[in-house]
PDB file of all heavy atoms in Angstrom:
ATOM      1  N   ASN A   1      12.855 -22.119   0.605  1.00  0.00           N
ATOM      2  CA  ASN A   1      11.445 -21.928   0.898  1.00  0.00           C
ATOM      3  C   ASN A   1      11.150 -20.574   1.537  1.00  0.00           C
ATOM      4  O   ASN A   1      10.082 -20.360   2.065  1.00  0.00           O
ATOM      5  CB  ASN A   1      10.941 -23.052   1.793  1.00  0.00           C
ATOM      6  CG  ASN A   1      11.098 -24.395   1.117  1.00  0.00           C
ATOM      7  OD1 ASN A   1      10.884 -24.517  -0.079  1.00  0.00           O
ATOM      8  ND2 ASN A   1      11.507 -25.391   1.870  1.00  0.00           N
ATOM      9  N   ILE A   2      12.113 -19.675   1.518  1.00  0.00           N
ATOM     10  CA  ILE A   2      11.925 -18.328   2.021  1.00  0.00           C
ATOM     11  C   ILE A   2      11.760 -17.394   0.830  1.00  0.00           C
ATOM     12  O   ILE A   2      12.580 -17.386  -0.086  1.00  0.00           O
ATOM     13  CB  ILE A   2      13.124 -17.883   2.897  1.00  0.00           C
ATOM     14  CG1 ILE A   2      13.269 -18.817   4.095  1.00  0.00           C
ATOM     15  CG2 ILE A   2      12.935 -16.437   3.345  1.00  0.00           C
ATOM     16  CD1 ILE A   2      14.509 -18.560   4.921  1.00  0.00           C
ATOM     17  N   TRP A   3      10.685 -16.635   0.849  1.00  0.00           N
ATOM     18  CA  TRP A   3      10.385 -15.689  -0.229  1.00  0.00           C
ATOM     19  C   TRP A   3      10.524 -14.277   0.321  1.00  0.00           C
ATOM     20  O   TRP A   3       9.915 -13.921   1.325  1.00  0.00           O
ATOM     21  CB  TRP A   3       8.978 -15.928  -0.762  1.00  0.00           C
ATOM     22  CG  TRP A   3       8.856 -17.251  -1.445  1.00  0.00           C
ATOM     23  CD1 TRP A   3       8.697 -18.472  -0.840  1.00  0.00           C
ATOM     24  CD2 TRP A   3       8.909 -17.499  -2.842  1.00  0.00           C
ATOM     25  NE1 TRP A   3       8.647 -19.459  -1.786  1.00  0.00           N
ATOM     26  CE2 TRP A   3       8.770 -18.896  -3.023  1.00  0.00           C
ATOM     27  CE3 TRP A   3       9.046 -16.682  -3.965  1.00  0.00           C
ATOM     28  CZ2 TRP A   3       8.771 -19.487  -4.283  1.00  0.00           C
ATOM     29  CZ3 TRP A   3       9.032 -17.265  -5.212  1.00  0.00           C
ATOM     30  CH2 TRP A   3       8.909 -18.641  -5.363  1.00  0.00           C
ATOM     31  N   ILE A   4      11.352 -13.476  -0.350  1.00  0.00           N
ATOM     32  CA  ILE A   4      11.682 -12.128   0.090  1.00  0.00           C
ATOM     33  C   ILE A   4      10.918 -11.105  -0.750  1.00  0.00           C
ATOM     34  O   ILE A   4      10.817 -11.239  -1.972  1.00  0.00           O
ATOM     35  CB  ILE A   4      13.202 -11.873  -0.039  1.00  0.00           C
ATOM     36  CG1 ILE A   4      14.000 -12.945   0.717  1.00  0.00           C
ATOM     37  CG2 ILE A   4      13.568 -10.477   0.422  1.00  0.00           C
ATOM     38  CD1 ILE A   4      13.765 -12.989   2.193  1.00  0.00           C
ATOM     39  N   LEU A   5      10.443 -10.071  -0.121  1.00  0.00           N
ATOM     40  CA  LEU A   5       9.695  -9.014  -0.785  1.00  0.00           C
ATOM     41  C   LEU A   5      10.623  -8.122  -1.588  1.00  0.00           C
ATOM     42  O   LEU A   5      11.638  -7.650  -1.070  1.00  0.00           O
ATOM     43  CB  LEU A   5       8.948  -8.187   0.260  1.00  0.00           C
ATOM     44  CG  LEU A   5       8.091  -7.043  -0.242  1.00  0.00           C
ATOM     45  CD1 LEU A   5       6.878  -7.593  -1.002  1.00  0.00           C
ATOM     46  CD2 LEU A   5       7.635  -6.191   0.922  1.00  0.00           C
ATOM     47  N   ASP A   6      10.289  -7.889  -2.852  1.00  0.00           N
ATOM     48  CA  ASP A   6      10.994  -6.899  -3.658  1.00  0.00           C
ATOM     49  C   ASP A   6      10.284  -5.564  -3.442  1.00  0.00           C
ATOM     50  O   ASP A   6       9.186  -5.335  -3.940  1.00  0.00           O
ATOM     51  CB  ASP A   6      10.980  -7.279  -5.138  1.00  0.00           C
ATOM     52  CG  ASP A   6      11.802  -6.322  -5.977  1.00  0.00           C
ATOM     53  OD1 ASP A   6      11.546  -5.100  -5.902  1.00  0.00           O
ATOM     54  OD2 ASP A   6      12.695  -6.778  -6.704  1.00  0.00           O
ATOM     55  N   LYS A   7      10.908  -4.685  -2.661  1.00  0.00           N
ATOM     56  CA  LYS A   7      10.272  -3.423  -2.266  1.00  0.00           C
ATOM     57  C   LYS A   7      10.191  -2.414  -3.416  1.00  0.00           C
ATOM     58  O   LYS A   7       9.374  -1.504  -3.372  1.00  0.00           O
ATOM     59  CB  LYS A   7      11.023  -2.821  -1.086  1.00  0.00           C
ATOM     60  CG  LYS A   7      10.913  -3.674   0.164  1.00  0.00           C
ATOM     61  CD  LYS A   7      11.719  -3.139   1.304  1.00  0.00           C
ATOM     62  CE  LYS A   7      13.102  -3.706   1.175  1.00  0.00           C
ATOM     63  NZ  LYS A   7      13.949  -3.577   2.324  1.00  0.00           N
ATOM     64  N   GLU A   8      11.020  -2.576  -4.431  1.00  0.00           N
ATOM     65  CA  GLU A   8      10.969  -1.661  -5.569  1.00  0.00           C
ATOM     66  C   GLU A   8       9.764  -1.926  -6.470  1.00  0.00           C
ATOM     67  O   GLU A   8       9.150  -0.999  -6.985  1.00  0.00           O
ATOM     68  CB  GLU A   8      12.263  -1.774  -6.391  1.00  0.00           C
ATOM     69  CG  GLU A   8      13.512  -1.365  -5.645  1.00  0.00           C
ATOM     70  CD  GLU A   8      13.504   0.106  -5.249  1.00  0.00           C
ATOM     71  OE1 GLU A   8      13.094   0.941  -6.068  1.00  0.00           O
ATOM     72  OE2 GLU A   8      13.904   0.409  -4.110  1.00  0.00           O
ATOM     73  N   LEU A   9       9.418  -3.185  -6.658  1.00  0.00           N
ATOM     74  CA  LEU A   9       8.302  -3.535  -7.536  1.00  0.00           C
ATOM     75  C   LEU A   9       6.959  -3.551  -6.812  1.00  0.00           C
ATOM     76  O   LEU A   9       5.915  -3.338  -7.426  1.00  0.00           O
ATOM     77  CB  LEU A   9       8.540  -4.924  -8.154  1.00  0.00           C
ATOM     78  CG  LEU A   9       9.733  -5.078  -9.086  1.00  0.00           C
ATOM     79  CD1 LEU A   9       9.890  -6.535  -9.503  1.00  0.00           C
ATOM     80  CD2 LEU A   9       9.583  -4.177 -10.297  1.00  0.00           C
ATOM     81  N   SER A  10       6.974  -3.786  -5.524  1.00  0.00           N
ATOM     82  CA  SER A  10       5.743  -3.981  -4.755  1.00  0.00           C
ATOM     83  C   SER A  10       5.111  -2.648  -4.361  1.00  0.00           C
ATOM     84  O   SER A  10       5.786  -1.625  -4.286  1.00  0.00           O
ATOM     85  CB  SER A  10       6.035  -4.784  -3.497  1.00  0.00           C
ATOM     86  OG  SER A  10       6.574  -6.039  -3.817  1.00  0.00           O
ATOM     87  N   GLU A  11       3.806  -2.704  -4.074  1.00  0.00           N
ATOM     88  CA  GLU A  11       3.106  -1.508  -3.592  1.00  0.00           C
ATOM     89  C   GLU A  11       1.992  -1.906  -2.640  1.00  0.00           C
ATOM     90  O   GLU A  11       1.406  -2.981  -2.759  1.00  0.00           O
ATOM     91  CB  GLU A  11       2.548  -0.684  -4.754  1.00  0.00           C
ATOM     92  CG  GLU A  11       1.532  -1.401  -5.608  1.00  0.00           C
ATOM     93  CD  GLU A  11       1.064  -0.588  -6.810  1.00  0.00           C
ATOM     94  OE1 GLU A  11       1.660   0.445  -7.112  1.00  0.00           O
ATOM     95  OE2 GLU A  11       0.092  -1.010  -7.435  1.00  0.00           O
ATOM     96  N   ILE A  12       1.763  -1.026  -1.665  1.00  0.00           N
ATOM     97  CA  ILE A  12       0.666  -1.200  -0.715  1.00  0.00           C
ATOM     98  C   ILE A  12      -0.136   0.089  -0.721  1.00  0.00           C
ATOM     99  O   ILE A  12       0.380   1.156  -0.377  1.00  0.00           O
ATOM    100  CB  ILE A  12       1.183  -1.519   0.699  1.00  0.00           C
ATOM    101  CG1 ILE A  12       1.983  -2.820   0.694  1.00  0.00           C
ATOM    102  CG2 ILE A  12       0.020  -1.594   1.688  1.00  0.00           C
ATOM    103  CD1 ILE A  12       2.628  -3.169   2.030  1.00  0.00           C
ATOM    104  N   LYS A  13      -1.403  -0.011  -1.126  1.00  0.00           N
ATOM    105  CA  LYS A  13      -2.280   1.148  -1.227  1.00  0.00           C
ATOM    106  C   LYS A  13      -3.452   0.987  -0.271  1.00  0.00           C
ATOM    107  O   LYS A  13      -3.755  -0.112   0.182  1.00  0.00           O
ATOM    108  CB  LYS A  13      -2.807   1.282  -2.663  1.00  0.00           C
ATOM    109  CG  LYS A  13      -1.713   1.571  -3.663  1.00  0.00           C
ATOM    110  CD  LYS A  13      -2.290   1.793  -5.045  1.00  0.00           C
ATOM    111  CE  LYS A  13      -1.180   2.201  -6.001  1.00  0.00           C
ATOM    112  NZ  LYS A  13      -1.698   2.577  -7.307  1.00  0.00           N
ATOM    113  N   PHE A  14      -4.118   2.110   0.016  1.00  0.00           N
ATOM    114  CA  PHE A  14      -5.292   2.074   0.877  1.00  0.00           C
ATOM    115  C   PHE A  14      -6.323   3.081   0.392  1.00  0.00           C
ATOM    116  O   PHE A  14      -5.998   4.025  -0.325  1.00  0.00           O
ATOM    117  CB  PHE A  14      -4.917   2.349   2.342  1.00  0.00           C
ATOM    118  CG  PHE A  14      -4.310   3.705   2.575  1.00  0.00           C
ATOM    119  CD1 PHE A  14      -5.107   4.810   2.840  1.00  0.00           C
ATOM    120  CD2 PHE A  14      -2.941   3.882   2.509  1.00  0.00           C
ATOM    121  CE1 PHE A  14      -4.542   6.065   3.055  1.00  0.00           C
ATOM    122  CE2 PHE A  14      -2.367   5.123   2.718  1.00  0.00           C
ATOM    123  CZ  PHE A  14      -3.169   6.212   2.988  1.00  0.00           C
ATOM    124  N   GLU A  15      -7.566   2.824   0.777  1.00  0.00           N
ATOM    125  CA  GLU A  15      -8.630   3.777   0.490  1.00  0.00           C
ATOM    126  C   GLU A  15      -9.635   3.776   1.632  1.00  0.00           C
ATOM    127  O   GLU A  15      -9.895   2.751   2.252  1.00  0.00           O
ATOM    128  CB  GLU A  15      -9.305   3.497  -0.845  1.00  0.00           C
ATOM    129  CG  GLU A  15      -9.889   2.138  -1.015  1.00  0.00           C
ATOM    130  CD  GLU A  15     -10.418   1.906  -2.429  1.00  0.00           C
ATOM    131  OE1 GLU A  15      -9.600   1.934  -3.377  1.00  0.00           O
ATOM    132  OE2 GLU A  15     -11.631   1.675  -2.563  1.00  0.00           O
ATOM    133  N   LEU A  16     -10.158   4.970   1.904  1.00  0.00           N
ATOM    134  CA  LEU A  16     -11.133   5.171   2.967  1.00  0.00           C
ATOM    135  C   LEU A  16     -12.242   6.054   2.421  1.00  0.00           C
ATOM    136  O   LEU A  16     -12.001   7.198   2.035  1.00  0.00           O
ATOM    137  CB  LEU A  16     -10.461   5.831   4.177  1.00  0.00           C
ATOM    138  CG  LEU A  16     -11.349   6.262   5.337  1.00  0.00           C
ATOM    139  CD1 LEU A  16     -12.055   5.059   5.949  1.00  0.00           C
ATOM    140  CD2 LEU A  16     -10.530   6.987   6.386  1.00  0.00           C
ATOM    141  N   PRO A  17     -13.463   5.533   2.357  1.00  0.00           N
ATOM    142  CA  PRO A  17     -14.583   6.326   1.838  1.00  0.00           C
ATOM    143  C   PRO A  17     -14.905   7.534   2.730  1.00  0.00           C
ATOM    144  O   PRO A  17     -14.870   7.443   3.954  1.00  0.00           O
ATOM    145  CB  PRO A  17     -15.751   5.351   1.826  1.00  0.00           C
ATOM    146  CG  PRO A  17     -15.135   3.994   1.887  1.00  0.00           C
ATOM    147  CD  PRO A  17     -13.855   4.162   2.639  1.00  0.00           C
ATOM    148  N   VAL A  18     -15.217   8.646   2.073  1.00  0.00           N
ATOM    149  CA  VAL A  18     -15.603   9.878   2.761  1.00  0.00           C
ATOM    150  C   VAL A  18     -16.900  10.372   2.112  1.00  0.00           C
ATOM    151  O   VAL A  18     -17.025  10.366   0.888  1.00  0.00           O
ATOM    152  CB  VAL A  18     -14.496  10.958   2.652  1.00  0.00           C
ATOM    153  CG1 VAL A  18     -14.907  12.226   3.379  1.00  0.00           C
ATOM    154  CG2 VAL A  18     -13.176  10.434   3.180  1.00  0.00           C
ATOM    155  N   LEU A  19     -17.832  10.824   2.922  1.00  0.00           N
ATOM    156  CA  LEU A  19     -19.132  11.280   2.434  1.00  0.00           C
ATOM    157  C   LEU A  19     -18.998  12.609   1.680  1.00  0.00           C
ATOM    158  O   LEU A  19     -18.375  13.551   2.165  1.00  0.00           O
ATOM    159  CB  LEU A  19     -20.093  11.440   3.616  1.00  0.00           C
ATOM    160  CG  LEU A  19     -21.529  11.834   3.289  1.00  0.00           C
ATOM    161  CD1 LEU A  19     -22.217  10.711   2.515  1.00  0.00           C
ATOM    162  CD2 LEU A  19     -22.289  12.152   4.560  1.00  0.00           C
ATOM    163  N   LEU A  20     -19.555  12.676   0.494  1.00  0.00           N
ATOM    164  CA  LEU A  20     -19.729  13.887  -0.328  1.00  0.00           C
ATOM    165  C   LEU A  20     -18.447  14.505  -0.893  1.00  0.00           C
ATOM    166  O   LEU A  20     -18.505  15.534  -1.549  1.00  0.00           O
ATOM    167  CB  LEU A  20     -20.507  14.970   0.429  1.00  0.00           C
ATOM    168  CG  LEU A  20     -21.902  14.567   0.908  1.00  0.00           C
ATOM    169  CD1 LEU A  20     -22.523  15.693   1.712  1.00  0.00           C
ATOM    170  CD2 LEU A  20     -22.789  14.185  -0.260  1.00  0.00           C
ATOM    171  N   VAL A  21     -17.302  13.922  -0.619  1.00  0.00           N
ATOM    172  CA  VAL A  21     -16.048  14.419  -1.208  1.00  0.00           C
ATOM    173  C   VAL A  21     -15.249  13.212  -1.702  1.00  0.00           C
ATOM    174  O   VAL A  21     -15.628  12.061  -1.494  1.00  0.00           O
ATOM    175  CB  VAL A  21     -15.191  15.254  -0.217  1.00  0.00           C
ATOM    176  CG1 VAL A  21     -15.898  16.543   0.164  1.00  0.00           C
ATOM    177  CG2 VAL A  21     -14.829  14.459   1.009  1.00  0.00           C
ATOM    178  N   GLU A  22     -14.127  13.510  -2.328  1.00  0.00           N
ATOM    179  CA  GLU A  22     -13.263  12.429  -2.825  1.00  0.00           C
ATOM    180  C   GLU A  22     -12.769  11.569  -1.661  1.00  0.00           C
ATOM    181  O   GLU A  22     -12.410  12.082  -0.605  1.00  0.00           O
ATOM    182  CB  GLU A  22     -12.075  13.048  -3.566  1.00  0.00           C
ATOM    183  CG  GLU A  22     -11.163  12.039  -4.203  1.00  0.00           C
ATOM    184  CD  GLU A  22      -9.981  12.691  -4.932  1.00  0.00           C
ATOM    185  OE1 GLU A  22      -9.894  13.929  -4.973  1.00  0.00           O
ATOM    186  OE2 GLU A  22      -9.146  11.930  -5.428  1.00  0.00           O
ATOM    187  N   ASP A  23     -12.780  10.252  -1.857  1.00  0.00           N
ATOM    188  CA  ASP A  23     -12.286   9.324  -0.850  1.00  0.00           C
ATOM    189  C   ASP A  23     -10.824   9.594  -0.534  1.00  0.00           C
ATOM    190  O   ASP A  23     -10.080  10.122  -1.362  1.00  0.00           O
ATOM    191  CB  ASP A  23     -12.439   7.875  -1.324  1.00  0.00           C
ATOM    192  CG  ASP A  23     -13.887   7.440  -1.432  1.00  0.00           C
ATOM    193  OD1 ASP A  23     -14.774   8.142  -0.910  1.00  0.00           O
ATOM    194  OD2 ASP A  23     -14.130   6.371  -2.032  1.00  0.00           O
ATOM    195  N   VAL A  24     -10.399   9.231   0.656  1.00  0.00           N
ATOM    196  CA  VAL A  24      -8.979   9.290   1.010  1.00  0.00           C
ATOM    197  C   VAL A  24      -8.305   8.097   0.338  1.00  0.00           C
ATOM    198  O   VAL A  24      -8.686   6.949   0.560  1.00  0.00           O
ATOM    199  CB  VAL A  24      -8.782   9.223   2.536  1.00  0.00           C
ATOM    200  CG1 VAL A  24      -7.297   9.167   2.876  1.00  0.00           C
ATOM    201  CG2 VAL A  24      -9.458  10.392   3.231  1.00  0.00           C
ATOM    202  N   ASN A  25      -7.343   8.382  -0.509  1.00  0.00           N
ATOM    203  CA  ASN A  25      -6.569   7.345  -1.207  1.00  0.00           C
ATOM    204  C   ASN A  25      -5.100   7.597  -0.960  1.00  0.00           C
ATOM    205  O   ASN A  25      -4.662   8.754  -0.934  1.00  0.00           O
ATOM    206  CB  ASN A  25      -6.831   7.378  -2.713  1.00  0.00           C
ATOM    207  CG  ASN A  25      -8.234   6.961  -3.051  1.00  0.00           C
ATOM    208  OD1 ASN A  25      -8.624   5.836  -2.788  1.00  0.00           O
ATOM    209  ND2 ASN A  25      -9.010   7.878  -3.608  1.00  0.00           N
ATOM    210  N   GLY A  26      -4.349   6.538  -0.799  1.00  0.00           N
ATOM    211  CA  GLY A  26      -2.923   6.717  -0.595  1.00  0.00           C
ATOM    212  C   GLY A  26      -2.170   5.409  -0.695  1.00  0.00           C
ATOM    213  O   GLY A  26      -2.711   4.380  -1.081  1.00  0.00           O
ATOM    214  N   GLN A  27      -0.894   5.518  -0.359  1.00  0.00           N
ATOM    215  CA  GLN A  27      -0.034   4.340  -0.369  1.00  0.00           C
ATOM    216  C   GLN A  27       1.074   4.522   0.659  1.00  0.00           C
ATOM    217  O   GLN A  27       1.342   5.629   1.118  1.00  0.00           O
ATOM    218  CB  GLN A  27       0.549   4.097  -1.741  1.00  0.00           C
ATOM    219  CG  GLN A  27       1.507   5.156  -2.219  1.00  0.00           C
ATOM    220  CD  GLN A  27       2.029   4.849  -3.616  1.00  0.00           C
ATOM    221  OE1 GLN A  27       1.535   3.960  -4.296  1.00  0.00           O
ATOM    222  NE2 GLN A  27       3.024   5.579  -4.045  1.00  0.00           N
ATOM    223  N   PHE A  28       1.691   3.393   1.011  1.00  0.00           N
ATOM    224  CA  PHE A  28       2.865   3.409   1.881  1.00  0.00           C
ATOM    225  C   PHE A  28       4.082   3.151   1.009  1.00  0.00           C
ATOM    226  O   PHE A  28       4.059   2.273   0.141  1.00  0.00           O
ATOM    227  CB  PHE A  28       2.739   2.335   2.963  1.00  0.00           C
ATOM    228  CG  PHE A  28       1.618   2.588   3.922  1.00  0.00           C
ATOM    229  CD1 PHE A  28       0.398   1.946   3.780  1.00  0.00           C
ATOM    230  CD2 PHE A  28       1.785   3.485   4.963  1.00  0.00           C
ATOM    231  CE1 PHE A  28      -0.636   2.179   4.660  1.00  0.00           C
ATOM    232  CE2 PHE A  28       0.749   3.740   5.848  1.00  0.00           C
ATOM    233  CZ  PHE A  28      -0.459   3.087   5.699  1.00  0.00           C
ATOM    234  N   THR A  29       5.131   3.916   1.234  1.00  0.00           N
ATOM    235  CA  THR A  29       6.332   3.777   0.413  1.00  0.00           C
ATOM    236  C   THR A  29       7.443   2.983   1.099  1.00  0.00           C
ATOM    237  O   THR A  29       8.393   2.580   0.438  1.00  0.00           O
ATOM    238  CB  THR A  29       6.867   5.165   0.012  1.00  0.00           C
ATOM    239  OG1 THR A  29       7.183   5.899   1.197  1.00  0.00           O
ATOM    240  CG2 THR A  29       5.848   5.922  -0.818  1.00  0.00           C
ATOM    241  N   LYS A  30       7.320   2.773   2.414  1.00  0.00           N
ATOM    242  CA  LYS A  30       8.334   2.009   3.142  1.00  0.00           C
ATOM    243  C   LYS A  30       7.659   0.836   3.840  1.00  0.00           C
ATOM    244  O   LYS A  30       6.818   1.039   4.734  1.00  0.00           O
ATOM    245  CB  LYS A  30       9.069   2.879   4.149  1.00  0.00           C
ATOM    246  CG  LYS A  30       9.918   3.947   3.506  1.00  0.00           C
ATOM    247  CD  LYS A  30      10.649   4.761   4.534  1.00  0.00           C
ATOM    248  CE  LYS A  30      11.441   5.875   3.855  1.00  0.00           C
ATOM    249  NZ  LYS A  30      12.051   6.774   4.838  1.00  0.00           N
ATOM    250  N   PHE A  31       8.034  -0.362   3.445  1.00  0.00           N
ATOM    251  CA  PHE A  31       7.489  -1.580   4.022  1.00  0.00           C
ATOM    252  C   PHE A  31       8.462  -2.715   3.752  1.00  0.00           C
ATOM    253  O   PHE A  31       9.358  -2.593   2.920  1.00  0.00           O
ATOM    254  CB  PHE A  31       6.099  -1.893   3.458  1.00  0.00           C
ATOM    255  CG  PHE A  31       6.021  -1.813   1.958  1.00  0.00           C
ATOM    256  CD1 PHE A  31       6.337  -2.905   1.165  1.00  0.00           C
ATOM    257  CD2 PHE A  31       5.639  -0.638   1.331  1.00  0.00           C
ATOM    258  CE1 PHE A  31       6.277  -2.827  -0.217  1.00  0.00           C
ATOM    259  CE2 PHE A  31       5.566  -0.551  -0.050  1.00  0.00           C
ATOM    260  CZ  PHE A  31       5.885  -1.643  -0.824  1.00  0.00           C
ATOM    261  N   ASP A  32       8.283  -3.809   4.456  1.00  0.00           N
ATOM    262  CA  ASP A  32       9.160  -4.956   4.278  1.00  0.00           C
ATOM    263  C   ASP A  32       8.404  -6.211   4.715  1.00  0.00           C
ATOM    264  O   ASP A  32       7.365  -6.111   5.359  1.00  0.00           O
ATOM    265  CB  ASP A  32      10.430  -4.795   5.106  1.00  0.00           C
ATOM    266  CG  ASP A  32      11.592  -5.595   4.568  1.00  0.00           C
ATOM    267  OD1 ASP A  32      11.387  -6.426   3.646  1.00  0.00           O
ATOM    268  OD2 ASP A  32      12.714  -5.423   5.069  1.00  0.00           O
ATOM    269  N   GLY A  33       8.943  -7.354   4.363  1.00  0.00           N
ATOM    270  CA  GLY A  33       8.325  -8.588   4.786  1.00  0.00           C
ATOM    271  C   GLY A  33       8.867  -9.781   4.041  1.00  0.00           C
ATOM    272  O   GLY A  33       9.681  -9.655   3.120  1.00  0.00           O
ATOM    273  N   SER A  34       8.397 -10.942   4.461  1.00  0.00           N
ATOM    274  CA  SER A  34       8.796 -12.182   3.808  1.00  0.00           C
ATOM    275  C   SER A  34       7.743 -13.248   4.066  1.00  0.00           C
ATOM    276  O   SER A  34       6.881 -13.098   4.932  1.00  0.00           O
ATOM    277  CB  SER A  34      10.163 -12.655   4.324  1.00  0.00           C
ATOM    278  OG  SER A  34      10.114 -12.897   5.700  1.00  0.00           O
TER     279      SER A  34
END
């Protein structure tokens, strides 16, 4: 009943709106969890 994160296949992205220019977009490359 324990599910482990596959860090190679998974992705975590984020976005933050900014006025009059392109939004801040990015991702985290190092993460873990279960």
